[in-house]
Amino acid sequence: QVYLADSGGDAVQPGGSLRLSCAASGKIASIYAMGWYRQTPGKQRELVATINTVGKTNYADSVKGRFTLSRDFAWNMVFLQMDNLKPEDTAVYYCYADGHGWDYWGQGTQVTVSS
């Protein structure tokens, strides 16, 4: 079992920045990849960014060039630096871990971008 605690969501104005954090605990050695998804009411959860054990990152086209995903070597933490935020980035952001076929999720943190 892997446990994820995500945090860092807040309300910001367009053009602002936020940094989301996710702390992993439990069977960390089983993690193959970690990252973030987001969801708005009435829509499916969508990929934001992921990073795997060799450091390969994958970003949604809508966030490329604005968001940066990083992790510590031991998989204890992942971070999502979000710059130049737009109103369409408003969503609940969920930390995600791929445990070789097992999916784990954080509780979610709200990001609101509004003037």
PDB file of N, CA and C in Angstrom:
ATOM      1  N   GLN A   1       0.845  -1.194   0.000  1.00  0.00           N
ATOM      2  CA  GLN A   1       0.000   0.000   0.000  1.00  0.00           C
ATOM      3  C   GLN A   1       0.886   1.251   0.000  1.00  0.00           C
ATOM      4  N   VAL A   2       0.499   2.225  -0.800  1.00  0.00           N
ATOM      5  CA  VAL A   2       1.184   3.521  -0.847  1.00  0.00           C
ATOM      6  C   VAL A   2       0.189   4.581  -0.404  1.00  0.00           C
ATOM      7  N   TYR A   3       0.625   5.469   0.427  1.00  0.00           N
ATOM      8  CA  TYR A   3      -0.215   6.562   0.917  1.00  0.00           C
ATOM      9  C   TYR A   3       0.337   7.875   0.379  1.00  0.00           C
ATOM     10  N   LEU A   4      -0.575   8.716  -0.116  1.00  0.00           N
ATOM     11  CA  LEU A   4      -0.184   9.983  -0.719  1.00  0.00           C
ATOM     12  C   LEU A   4      -0.897  11.128  -0.018  1.00  0.00           C
ATOM     13  N   ALA A   5      -0.138  12.145   0.346  1.00  0.00           N
ATOM     14  CA  ALA A   5      -0.701  13.339   0.974  1.00  0.00           C
ATOM     15  C   ALA A   5      -0.336  14.535   0.115  1.00  0.00           C
ATOM     16  N   ASP A   6      -1.341  15.089  -0.576  1.00  0.00           N
ATOM     17  CA  ASP A   6      -1.068  16.217  -1.452  1.00  0.00           C
ATOM     18  C   ASP A   6      -1.501  17.525  -0.800  1.00  0.00           C
ATOM     19  N   SER A   7      -0.827  18.605  -1.167  1.00  0.00           N
ATOM     20  CA  SER A   7      -1.093  19.908  -0.566  1.00  0.00           C
ATOM     21  C   SER A   7      -0.573  21.013  -1.476  1.00  0.00           C
ATOM     22  N   GLY A   8      -0.909  22.249  -1.119  1.00  0.00           N
ATOM     23  CA  GLY A   8      -0.385  23.408  -1.830  1.00  0.00           C
ATOM     24  C   GLY A   8      -1.397  24.168  -2.662  1.00  0.00           C
ATOM     25  N   GLY A   9      -2.607  23.651  -2.780  1.00  0.00           N
ATOM     26  CA  GLY A   9      -3.612  24.353  -3.552  1.00  0.00           C
ATOM     27  C   GLY A   9      -4.027  25.661  -2.893  1.00  0.00           C
ATOM     28  N   ASP A  10      -4.443  26.602  -3.725  1.00  0.00           N
ATOM     29  CA  ASP A  10      -4.828  27.919  -3.215  1.00  0.00           C
ATOM     30  C   ASP A  10      -5.577  28.662  -4.314  1.00  0.00           C
ATOM     31  N   ALA A  11      -6.024  29.864  -3.989  1.00  0.00           N
ATOM     32  CA  ALA A  11      -6.650  30.745  -4.971  1.00  0.00           C
ATOM     33  C   ALA A  11      -5.629  31.786  -5.402  1.00  0.00           C
ATOM     34  N   VAL A  12      -5.430  31.929  -6.717  1.00  0.00           N
ATOM     35  CA  VAL A  12      -4.472  32.889  -7.246  1.00  0.00           C
ATOM     36  C   VAL A  12      -5.079  33.615  -8.439  1.00  0.00           C
ATOM     37  N   GLN A  13      -4.457  34.714  -8.802  1.00  0.00           N
ATOM     38  CA  GLN A  13      -4.905  35.460  -9.970  1.00  0.00           C
ATOM     39  C   GLN A  13      -4.247  34.900 -11.230  1.00  0.00           C
ATOM     40  N   PRO A  14      -4.859  35.118 -12.379  1.00  0.00           N
ATOM     41  CA  PRO A  14      -4.231  34.693 -13.641  1.00  0.00           C
ATOM     42  C   PRO A  14      -2.813  35.256 -13.759  1.00  0.00           C
ATOM     43  N   GLY A  15      -1.918  34.393 -14.248  1.00  0.00           N
ATOM     44  CA  GLY A  15      -0.514  34.776 -14.334  1.00  0.00           C
ATOM     45  C   GLY A  15       0.299  34.436 -13.108  1.00  0.00           C
ATOM     46  N   GLY A  16      -0.372  34.038 -12.047  1.00  0.00           N
ATOM     47  CA  GLY A  16       0.314  33.712 -10.803  1.00  0.00           C
ATOM     48  C   GLY A  16       0.922  32.327 -10.812  1.00  0.00           C
ATOM     49  N   SER A  17       1.531  31.968  -9.700  1.00  0.00           N
ATOM     50  CA  SER A  17       2.224  30.686  -9.563  1.00  0.00           C
ATOM     51  C   SER A  17       1.804  29.983  -8.287  1.00  0.00           C
ATOM     52  N   LEU A  18       1.873  28.651  -8.336  1.00  0.00           N
ATOM     53  CA  LEU A  18       1.669  27.817  -7.166  1.00  0.00           C
ATOM     54  C   LEU A  18       2.597  26.623  -7.251  1.00  0.00           C
ATOM     55  N   ARG A  19       2.898  26.049  -6.088  1.00  0.00           N
ATOM     56  CA  ARG A  19       3.699  24.836  -6.045  1.00  0.00           C
ATOM     57  C   ARG A  19       2.952  23.793  -5.234  1.00  0.00           C
ATOM     58  N   LEU A  20       2.581  22.708  -5.890  1.00  0.00           N
ATOM     59  CA  LEU A  20       1.911  21.603  -5.217  1.00  0.00           C
ATOM     60  C   LEU A  20       2.946  20.589  -4.747  1.00  0.00           C
ATOM     61  N   SER A  21       2.679  20.000  -3.592  1.00  0.00           N
ATOM     62  CA  SER A  21       3.569  18.987  -3.039  1.00  0.00           C
ATOM     63  C   SER A  21       2.794  17.715  -2.758  1.00  0.00           C
ATOM     64  N   CYS A  22       3.487  16.595  -2.881  1.00  0.00           N
ATOM     65  CA  CYS A  22       2.887  15.305  -2.568  1.00  0.00           C
ATOM     66  C   CYS A  22       3.912  14.473  -1.810  1.00  0.00           C
ATOM     67  N   ALA A  23       3.526  14.040  -0.625  1.00  0.00           N
ATOM     68  CA  ALA A  23       4.395  13.204   0.191  1.00  0.00           C
ATOM     69  C   ALA A  23       3.911  11.761   0.138  1.00  0.00           C
ATOM     70  N   ALA A  24       4.807  10.864  -0.214  1.00  0.00           N
ATOM     71  CA  ALA A  24       4.473   9.445  -0.309  1.00  0.00           C
ATOM     72  C   ALA A  24       5.009   8.693   0.900  1.00  0.00           C
ATOM     73  N   SER A  25       4.262   7.696   1.346  1.00  0.00           N
ATOM     74  CA  SER A  25       4.697   6.828   2.432  1.00  0.00           C
ATOM     75  C   SER A  25       4.171   5.426   2.182  1.00  0.00           C
ATOM     76  N   GLY A  26       4.632   4.481   2.964  1.00  0.00           N
ATOM     77  CA  GLY A  26       4.243   3.087   2.764  1.00  0.00           C
ATOM     78  C   GLY A  26       5.245   2.359   1.888  1.00  0.00           C
ATOM     79  N   LYS A  27       4.756   1.575   0.931  1.00  0.00           N
ATOM     80  CA  LYS A  27       5.618   0.768   0.058  1.00  0.00           C
ATOM     81  C   LYS A  27       6.174   1.606  -1.090  1.00  0.00           C
ATOM     82  N   ILE A  28       7.020   2.558  -0.746  1.00  0.00           N
ATOM     83  CA  ILE A  28       7.560   3.485  -1.741  1.00  0.00           C
ATOM     84  C   ILE A  28       8.378   2.758  -2.798  1.00  0.00           C
ATOM     85  N   ALA A  29       9.042   1.675  -2.410  1.00  0.00           N
ATOM     86  CA  ALA A  29       9.877   0.941  -3.354  1.00  0.00           C
ATOM     87  C   ALA A  29       9.081   0.347  -4.509  1.00  0.00           C
ATOM     88  N   SER A  30       7.769   0.230  -4.351  1.00  0.00           N
ATOM     89  CA  SER A  30       6.934  -0.336  -5.419  1.00  0.00           C
ATOM     90  C   SER A  30       6.525   0.676  -6.467  1.00  0.00           C
ATOM     91  N   ILE A  31       6.842   1.949  -6.249  1.00  0.00           N
ATOM     92  CA  ILE A  31       6.384   3.014  -7.153  1.00  0.00           C
ATOM     93  C   ILE A  31       7.194   3.010  -8.439  1.00  0.00           C
ATOM     94  N   TYR A  32       6.502   2.992  -9.566  1.00  0.00           N
ATOM     95  CA  TYR A  32       7.130   3.103 -10.883  1.00  0.00           C
ATOM     96  C   TYR A  32       7.081   4.536 -11.407  1.00  0.00           C
ATOM     97  N   ALA A  33       5.982   5.220 -11.137  1.00  0.00           N
ATOM     98  CA  ALA A  33       5.814   6.596 -11.623  1.00  0.00           C
ATOM     99  C   ALA A  33       4.917   7.356 -10.651  1.00  0.00           C
ATOM    100  N   MET A  34       5.100   8.655 -10.642  1.00  0.00           N
ATOM    101  CA  MET A  34       4.215   9.525  -9.856  1.00  0.00           C
ATOM    102  C   MET A  34       3.871  10.754 -10.672  1.00  0.00           C
ATOM    103  N   GLY A  35       2.844  11.442 -10.251  1.00  0.00           N
ATOM    104  CA  GLY A  35       2.499  12.648 -10.970  1.00  0.00           C
ATOM    105  C   GLY A  35       1.223  13.259 -10.450  1.00  0.00           C
ATOM    106  N   TRP A  36       0.572  14.013 -11.323  1.00  0.00           N
ATOM    107  CA  TRP A  36      -0.635  14.748 -10.958  1.00  0.00           C
ATOM    108  C   TRP A  36      -1.699  14.617 -12.044  1.00  0.00           C
ATOM    109  N   TYR A  37      -2.923  14.502 -11.590  1.00  0.00           N
ATOM    110  CA  TYR A  37      -4.098  14.585 -12.431  1.00  0.00           C
ATOM    111  C   TYR A  37      -4.961  15.711 -11.884  1.00  0.00           C
ATOM    112  N   ARG A  38      -5.922  16.156 -12.680  1.00  0.00           N
ATOM    113  CA  ARG A  38      -6.846  17.179 -12.204  1.00  0.00           C
ATOM    114  C   ARG A  38      -8.245  16.882 -12.709  1.00  0.00           C
ATOM    115  N   GLN A  39      -9.222  17.435 -11.982  1.00  0.00           N
ATOM    116  CA  GLN A  39     -10.621  17.170 -12.315  1.00  0.00           C
ATOM    117  C   GLN A  39     -11.469  18.384 -12.001  1.00  0.00           C
ATOM    118  N   THR A  40     -12.388  18.694 -12.915  1.00  0.00           N
ATOM    119  CA  THR A  40     -13.382  19.739 -12.705  1.00  0.00           C
ATOM    120  C   THR A  40     -14.757  19.084 -12.690  1.00  0.00           C
ATOM    121  N   PRO A  41     -15.754  19.747 -12.077  1.00  0.00           N
ATOM    122  CA  PRO A  41     -17.094  19.146 -11.970  1.00  0.00           C
ATOM    123  C   PRO A  41     -17.655  18.750 -13.332  1.00  0.00           C
ATOM    124  N   GLY A  42     -18.158  17.540 -13.423  1.00  0.00           N
ATOM    125  CA  GLY A  42     -18.784  17.068 -14.642  1.00  0.00           C
ATOM    126  C   GLY A  42     -17.829  16.537 -15.695  1.00  0.00           C
ATOM    127  N   LYS A  43     -16.535  16.559 -15.389  1.00  0.00           N
ATOM    128  CA  LYS A  43     -15.553  16.081 -16.356  1.00  0.00           C
ATOM    129  C   LYS A  43     -14.727  14.938 -15.765  1.00  0.00           C
ATOM    130  N   GLN A  44     -14.134  14.153 -16.653  1.00  0.00           N
ATOM    131  CA  GLN A  44     -13.260  13.075 -16.201  1.00  0.00           C
ATOM    132  C   GLN A  44     -11.938  13.628 -15.692  1.00  0.00           C
ATOM    133  N   ARG A  45     -11.331  12.866 -14.805  1.00  0.00           N
ATOM    134  CA  ARG A  45     -10.012  13.229 -14.321  1.00  0.00           C
ATOM    135  C   ARG A  45      -9.026  13.161 -15.487  1.00  0.00           C
ATOM    136  N   GLU A  46      -8.170  14.174 -15.612  1.00  0.00           N
ATOM    137  CA  GLU A  46      -7.247  14.217 -16.737  1.00  0.00           C
ATOM    138  C   GLU A  46      -5.803  14.333 -16.267  1.00  0.00           C
ATOM    139  N   LEU A  47      -4.913  13.779 -17.100  1.00  0.00           N
ATOM    140  CA  LEU A  47      -3.493  13.824 -16.805  1.00  0.00           C
ATOM    141  C   LEU A  47      -2.983  15.258 -16.847  1.00  0.00           C
ATOM    142  N   VAL A  48      -2.149  15.603 -15.869  1.00  0.00           N
ATOM    143  CA  VAL A  48      -1.419  16.869 -15.904  1.00  0.00           C
ATOM    144  C   VAL A  48       0.045  16.588 -16.248  1.00  0.00           C
ATOM    145  N   ALA A  49       0.688  15.750 -15.431  1.00  0.00           N
ATOM    146  CA  ALA A  49       2.095  15.419 -15.660  1.00  0.00           C
ATOM    147  C   ALA A  49       2.459  14.192 -14.854  1.00  0.00           C
ATOM    148  N   THR A  50       3.383  13.396 -15.396  1.00  0.00           N
ATOM    149  CA  THR A  50       3.906  12.238 -14.670  1.00  0.00           C
ATOM    150  C   THR A  50       5.416  12.165 -14.871  1.00  0.00           C
ATOM    151  N   ILE A  51       6.072  11.453 -13.945  1.00  0.00           N
ATOM    152  CA  ILE A  51       7.505  11.221 -14.039  1.00  0.00           C
ATOM    153  C   ILE A  51       7.771   9.797 -13.584  1.00  0.00           C
ATOM    154  N   ASN A  52       8.669   9.080 -14.307  1.00  0.00           N
ATOM    155  CA  ASN A  52       8.890   7.687 -13.949  1.00  0.00           C
ATOM    156  C   ASN A  52      10.261   7.500 -13.284  1.00  0.00           C
ATOM    157  N   THR A  53      10.624   6.253 -13.066  1.00  0.00           N
ATOM    158  CA  THR A  53      11.824   5.949 -12.293  1.00  0.00           C
ATOM    159  C   THR A  53      13.112   6.430 -12.954  1.00  0.00           C
ATOM    160  N   VAL A  54      13.096   6.579 -14.287  1.00  0.00           N
ATOM    161  CA  VAL A  54      14.325   7.051 -14.964  1.00  0.00           C
ATOM    162  C   VAL A  54      14.258   8.545 -15.242  1.00  0.00           C
ATOM    163  N   GLY A  55      13.252   9.198 -14.671  1.00  0.00           N
ATOM    164  CA  GLY A  55      13.151  10.642 -14.800  1.00  0.00           C
ATOM    165  C   GLY A  55      12.445  11.144 -16.035  1.00  0.00           C
ATOM    166  N   LYS A  56      11.869  10.228 -16.795  1.00  0.00           N
ATOM    167  CA  LYS A  56      11.151  10.659 -18.005  1.00  0.00           C
ATOM    168  C   LYS A  56       9.830  11.305 -17.602  1.00  0.00           C
ATOM    169  N   THR A  57       9.594  12.498 -18.112  1.00  0.00           N
ATOM    170  CA  THR A  57       8.363  13.232 -17.793  1.00  0.00           C
ATOM    171  C   THR A  57       7.403  13.230 -18.974  1.00  0.00           C
ATOM    172  N   ASN A  58       6.145  13.358 -18.644  1.00  0.00           N
ATOM    173  CA  ASN A  58       5.086  13.425 -19.646  1.00  0.00           C
ATOM    174  C   ASN A  58       4.120  14.512 -19.203  1.00  0.00           C
ATOM    175  N   TYR A  59       3.885  15.491 -20.068  1.00  0.00           N
ATOM    176  CA  TYR A  59       3.020  16.613 -19.727  1.00  0.00           C
ATOM    177  C   TYR A  59       1.828  16.682 -20.678  1.00  0.00           C
ATOM    178  N   ALA A  60       0.696  17.103 -20.148  1.00  0.00           N
ATOM    179  CA  ALA A  60      -0.437  17.425 -21.004  1.00  0.00           C
ATOM    180  C   ALA A  60      -0.060  18.633 -21.868  1.00  0.00           C
ATOM    181  N   ASP A  61      -0.537  18.648 -23.090  1.00  0.00           N
ATOM    182  CA  ASP A  61      -0.209  19.749 -23.997  1.00  0.00           C
ATOM    183  C   ASP A  61      -0.613  21.098 -23.411  1.00  0.00           C
ATOM    184  N   SER A  62      -1.691  21.112 -22.656  1.00  0.00           N
ATOM    185  CA  SER A  62      -2.218  22.372 -22.130  1.00  0.00           C
ATOM    186  C   SER A  62      -1.327  23.000 -21.063  1.00  0.00           C
ATOM    187  N   VAL A  63      -0.391  22.222 -20.503  1.00  0.00           N
ATOM    188  CA  VAL A  63       0.450  22.766 -19.436  1.00  0.00           C
ATOM    189  C   VAL A  63       1.923  22.833 -19.816  1.00  0.00           C
ATOM    190  N   LYS A  64       2.278  22.313 -20.974  1.00  0.00           N
ATOM    191  CA  LYS A  64       3.688  22.322 -21.402  1.00  0.00           C
ATOM    192  C   LYS A  64       4.231  23.748 -21.448  1.00  0.00           C
ATOM    193  N   GLY A  65       5.420  23.915 -20.900  1.00  0.00           N
ATOM    194  CA  GLY A  65       6.043  25.230 -20.868  1.00  0.00           C
ATOM    195  C   GLY A  65       5.620  26.090 -19.692  1.00  0.00           C
ATOM    196  N   ARG A  66       4.602  25.645 -18.943  1.00  0.00           N
ATOM    197  CA  ARG A  66       4.135  26.416 -17.786  1.00  0.00           C
ATOM    198  C   ARG A  66       4.288  25.644 -16.478  1.00  0.00           C
ATOM    199  N   PHE A  67       4.140  24.331 -16.540  1.00  0.00           N
ATOM    200  CA  PHE A  67       4.224  23.485 -15.345  1.00  0.00           C
ATOM    201  C   PHE A  67       5.512  22.662 -15.400  1.00  0.00           C
ATOM    202  N   THR A  68       6.106  22.437 -14.227  1.00  0.00           N
ATOM    203  CA  THR A  68       7.305  21.624 -14.123  1.00  0.00           C
ATOM    204  C   THR A  68       7.147  20.623 -12.985  1.00  0.00           C
ATOM    205  N   LEU A  69       7.329  19.356 -13.324  1.00  0.00           N
ATOM    206  CA  LEU A  69       7.210  18.283 -12.338  1.00  0.00           C
ATOM    207  C   LEU A  69       8.603  17.820 -11.922  1.00  0.00           C
ATOM    208  N   SER A  70       8.788  17.634 -10.626  1.00  0.00           N
ATOM    209  CA  SER A  70      10.070  17.138 -10.137  1.00  0.00           C
ATOM    210  C   SER A  70       9.826  16.197  -8.971  1.00  0.00           C
ATOM    211  N   ARG A  71      10.841  15.420  -8.621  1.00  0.00           N
ATOM    212  CA  ARG A  71      10.713  14.484  -7.505  1.00  0.00           C
ATOM    213  C   ARG A  71      12.045  14.345  -6.811  1.00  0.00           C
ATOM    214  N   ASP A  72      12.020  13.867  -5.600  1.00  0.00           N
ATOM    215  CA  ASP A  72      13.278  13.526  -4.973  1.00  0.00           C
ATOM    216  C   ASP A  72      13.628  12.086  -5.347  1.00  0.00           C
ATOM    217  N   PHE A  73      14.898  11.728  -5.200  1.00  0.00           N
ATOM    218  CA  PHE A  73      15.385  10.448  -5.708  1.00  0.00           C
ATOM    219  C   PHE A  73      14.705   9.277  -5.028  1.00  0.00           C
ATOM    220  N   ALA A  74      14.323   9.430  -3.793  1.00  0.00           N
ATOM    221  CA  ALA A  74      13.764   8.307  -3.030  1.00  0.00           C
ATOM    222  C   ALA A  74      12.261   8.177  -3.173  1.00  0.00           C
ATOM    223  N   TRP A  75      11.649   8.977  -4.025  1.00  0.00           N
ATOM    224  CA  TRP A  75      10.194   8.947  -4.250  1.00  0.00           C
ATOM    225  C   TRP A  75       9.403   9.394  -3.012  1.00  0.00           C
ATOM    226  N   ASN A  76      10.032  10.015  -2.062  1.00  0.00           N
ATOM    227  CA  ASN A  76       9.271  10.481  -0.917  1.00  0.00           C
ATOM    228  C   ASN A  76       8.380  11.674  -1.253  1.00  0.00           C
ATOM    229  N   MET A  77       8.846  12.506  -2.208  1.00  0.00           N
ATOM    230  CA  MET A  77       8.112  13.720  -2.532  1.00  0.00           C
ATOM    231  C   MET A  77       8.107  13.956  -4.040  1.00  0.00           C
ATOM    232  N   VAL A  78       7.006  14.486  -4.538  1.00  0.00           N
ATOM    233  CA  VAL A  78       6.974  15.050  -5.879  1.00  0.00           C
ATOM    234  C   VAL A  78       6.396  16.455  -5.776  1.00  0.00           C
ATOM    235  N   PHE A  79       6.821  17.296  -6.703  1.00  0.00           N
ATOM    236  CA  PHE A  79       6.421  18.694  -6.689  1.00  0.00           C
ATOM    237  C   PHE A  79       5.943  19.107  -8.081  1.00  0.00           C
ATOM    238  N   LEU A  80       4.905  19.911  -8.114  1.00  0.00           N
ATOM    239  CA  LEU A  80       4.420  20.458  -9.370  1.00  0.00           C
ATOM    240  C   LEU A  80       4.482  21.971  -9.276  1.00  0.00           C
ATOM    241  N   GLN A  81       5.455  22.555  -9.974  1.00  0.00           N
ATOM    242  CA  GLN A  81       5.569  24.011 -10.042  1.00  0.00           C
ATOM    243  C   GLN A  81       4.687  24.501 -11.182  1.00  0.00           C
ATOM    244  N   MET A  82       3.726  25.338 -10.848  1.00  0.00           N
ATOM    245  CA  MET A  82       2.772  25.828 -11.837  1.00  0.00           C
ATOM    246  C   MET A  82       2.950  27.323 -11.995  1.00  0.00           C
ATOM    247  N   ASP A  83       3.371  27.752 -13.174  1.00  0.00           N
ATOM    248  CA  ASP A  83       3.583  29.168 -13.474  1.00  0.00           C
ATOM    249  C   ASP A  83       2.617  29.633 -14.550  1.00  0.00           C
ATOM    250  N   ASN A  84       2.443  30.941 -14.623  1.00  0.00           N
ATOM    251  CA  ASN A  84       1.550  31.531 -15.622  1.00  0.00           C
ATOM    252  C   ASN A  84       0.189  30.833 -15.611  1.00  0.00           C
ATOM    253  N   LEU A  85      -0.382  30.719 -14.442  1.00  0.00           N
ATOM    254  CA  LEU A  85      -1.656  30.015 -14.299  1.00  0.00           C
ATOM    255  C   LEU A  85      -2.778  30.731 -15.034  1.00  0.00           C
ATOM    256  N   LYS A  86      -3.679  29.931 -15.579  1.00  0.00           N
ATOM    257  CA  LYS A  86      -4.813  30.444 -16.335  1.00  0.00           C
ATOM    258  C   LYS A  86      -6.116  30.009 -15.663  1.00  0.00           C
ATOM    259  N   PRO A  87      -7.210  30.719 -15.906  1.00  0.00           N
ATOM    260  CA  PRO A  87      -8.497  30.314 -15.308  1.00  0.00           C
ATOM    261  C   PRO A  87      -8.859  28.862 -15.632  1.00  0.00           C
ATOM    262  N   GLU A  88      -8.482  28.389 -16.808  1.00  0.00           N
ATOM    263  CA  GLU A  88      -8.813  27.011 -17.187  1.00  0.00           C
ATOM    264  C   GLU A  88      -7.996  25.967 -16.427  1.00  0.00           C
ATOM    265  N   ASP A  89      -7.028  26.417 -15.637  1.00  0.00           N
ATOM    266  CA  ASP A  89      -6.291  25.500 -14.763  1.00  0.00           C
ATOM    267  C   ASP A  89      -7.038  25.221 -13.462  1.00  0.00           C
ATOM    268  N   THR A  90      -8.123  25.938 -13.229  1.00  0.00           N
ATOM    269  CA  THR A  90      -8.922  25.728 -12.024  1.00  0.00           C
ATOM    270  C   THR A  90      -9.450  24.302 -11.974  1.00  0.00           C
ATOM    271  N   ALA A  91      -9.160  23.598 -10.888  1.00  0.00           N
ATOM    272  CA  ALA A  91      -9.557  22.197 -10.741  1.00  0.00           C
ATOM    273  C   ALA A  91      -9.109  21.687  -9.378  1.00  0.00           C
ATOM    274  N   VAL A  92      -9.558  20.494  -9.043  1.00  0.00           N
ATOM    275  CA  VAL A  92      -8.980  19.760  -7.919  1.00  0.00           C
ATOM    276  C   VAL A  92      -7.827  18.933  -8.478  1.00  0.00           C
ATOM    277  N   TYR A  93      -6.659  19.092  -7.899  1.00  0.00           N
ATOM    278  CA  TYR A  93      -5.468  18.390  -8.353  1.00  0.00           C
ATOM    279  C   TYR A  93      -5.197  17.201  -7.429  1.00  0.00           C
ATOM    280  N   TYR A  94      -4.992  16.042  -8.034  1.00  0.00           N
ATOM    281  CA  TYR A  94      -4.779  14.806  -7.289  1.00  0.00           C
ATOM    282  C   TYR A  94      -3.379  14.261  -7.563  1.00  0.00           C
ATOM    283  N   CYS A  95      -2.661  13.986  -6.497  1.00  0.00           N
ATOM    284  CA  CYS A  95      -1.393  13.281  -6.628  1.00  0.00           C
ATOM    285  C   CYS A  95      -1.673  11.825  -6.988  1.00  0.00           C
ATOM    286  N   TYR A  96      -0.818  11.252  -7.798  1.00  0.00           N
ATOM    287  CA  TYR A  96      -1.010   9.901  -8.328  1.00  0.00           C
ATOM    288  C   TYR A  96       0.295   9.116  -8.247  1.00  0.00           C
ATOM    289  N   ALA A  97       0.169   7.835  -7.938  1.00  0.00           N
ATOM    290  CA  ALA A  97       1.325   6.940  -7.965  1.00  0.00           C
ATOM    291  C   ALA A  97       0.947   5.641  -8.657  1.00  0.00           C
ATOM    292  N   ASP A  98       1.839   5.197  -9.524  1.00  0.00           N
ATOM    293  CA  ASP A  98       1.677   3.916 -10.226  1.00  0.00           C
ATOM    294  C   ASP A  98       2.557   2.900  -9.526  1.00  0.00           C
ATOM    295  N   GLY A  99       1.911   1.944  -8.867  1.00  0.00           N
ATOM    296  CA  GLY A  99       2.662   0.934  -8.147  1.00  0.00           C
ATOM    297  C   GLY A  99       2.714  -0.375  -8.918  1.00  0.00           C
ATOM    298  N   HIS A 100       3.167  -0.300 -10.171  1.00  0.00           N
ATOM    299  CA  HIS A 100       3.262  -1.490 -11.025  1.00  0.00           C
ATOM    300  C   HIS A 100       1.919  -2.205 -11.112  1.00  0.00           C
ATOM    301  N   GLY A 101       0.935  -1.465 -11.594  1.00  0.00           N
ATOM    302  CA  GLY A 101      -0.390  -2.036 -11.784  1.00  0.00           C
ATOM    303  C   GLY A 101      -1.395  -1.630 -10.725  1.00  0.00           C
ATOM    304  N   TRP A 102      -0.921  -1.084  -9.633  1.00  0.00           N
ATOM    305  CA  TRP A 102      -1.798  -0.579  -8.597  1.00  0.00           C
ATOM    306  C   TRP A 102      -1.788   0.948  -8.662  1.00  0.00           C
ATOM    307  N   ASP A 103      -2.960   1.561  -8.719  1.00  0.00           N
ATOM    308  CA  ASP A 103      -3.080   3.018  -8.760  1.00  0.00           C
ATOM    309  C   ASP A 103      -3.396   3.555  -7.379  1.00  0.00           C
ATOM    310  N   TYR A 104      -2.664   4.585  -6.989  1.00  0.00           N
ATOM    311  CA  TYR A 104      -2.886   5.225  -5.696  1.00  0.00           C
ATOM    312  C   TYR A 104      -3.153   6.712  -5.913  1.00  0.00           C
ATOM    313  N   TRP A 105      -4.010   7.267  -5.048  1.00  0.00           N
ATOM    314  CA  TRP A 105      -4.417   8.669  -5.201  1.00  0.00           C
ATOM    315  C   TRP A 105      -4.338   9.413  -3.886  1.00  0.00           C
ATOM    316  N   GLY A 106      -3.981  10.701  -3.983  1.00  0.00           N
ATOM    317  CA  GLY A 106      -4.095  11.576  -2.838  1.00  0.00           C
ATOM    318  C   GLY A 106      -5.529  12.040  -2.675  1.00  0.00           C
ATOM    319  N   GLN A 107      -5.762  12.839  -1.649  1.00  0.00           N
ATOM    320  CA  GLN A 107      -7.123  13.275  -1.342  1.00  0.00           C
ATOM    321  C   GLN A 107      -7.562  14.457  -2.205  1.00  0.00           C
ATOM    322  N   GLY A 108      -6.618  15.100  -2.871  1.00  0.00           N
ATOM    323  CA  GLY A 108      -6.925  16.227  -3.742  1.00  0.00           C
ATOM    324  C   GLY A 108      -6.706  17.564  -3.060  1.00  0.00           C
ATOM    325  N   THR A 109      -6.287  18.543  -3.868  1.00  0.00           N
ATOM    326  CA  THR A 109      -6.098  19.902  -3.364  1.00  0.00           C
ATOM    327  C   THR A 109      -6.635  20.871  -4.405  1.00  0.00           C
ATOM    328  N   GLN A 110      -7.409  21.850  -3.949  1.00  0.00           N
ATOM    329  CA  GLN A 110      -8.121  22.756  -4.852  1.00  0.00           C
ATOM    330  C   GLN A 110      -7.217  23.888  -5.335  1.00  0.00           C
ATOM    331  N   VAL A 111      -7.191  24.074  -6.645  1.00  0.00           N
ATOM    332  CA  VAL A 111      -6.506  25.216  -7.260  1.00  0.00           C
ATOM    333  C   VAL A 111      -7.566  26.059  -7.959  1.00  0.00           C
ATOM    334  N   THR A 112      -7.633  27.334  -7.615  1.00  0.00           N
ATOM    335  CA  THR A 112      -8.596  28.250  -8.220  1.00  0.00           C
ATOM    336  C   THR A 112      -7.843  29.433  -8.800  1.00  0.00           C
ATOM    337  N   VAL A 113      -8.030  29.655 -10.093  1.00  0.00           N
ATOM    338  CA  VAL A 113      -7.375  30.775 -10.777  1.00  0.00           C
ATOM    339  C   VAL A 113      -8.465  31.732 -11.243  1.00  0.00           C
ATOM    340  N   SER A 114      -8.504  32.900 -10.632  1.00  0.00           N
ATOM    341  CA  SER A 114      -9.583  33.844 -10.920  1.00  0.00           C
ATOM    342  C   SER A 114      -9.128  35.244 -10.557  1.00  0.00           C
ATOM    343  N   SER A 115      -9.627  36.205 -11.340  1.00  0.00           N
ATOM    344  CA  SER A 115      -9.343  37.599 -11.030  1.00  0.00           C
ATOM    345  C   SER A 115     -10.447  38.190 -10.161  1.00  0.00           C
TER     346      SER A 115
END
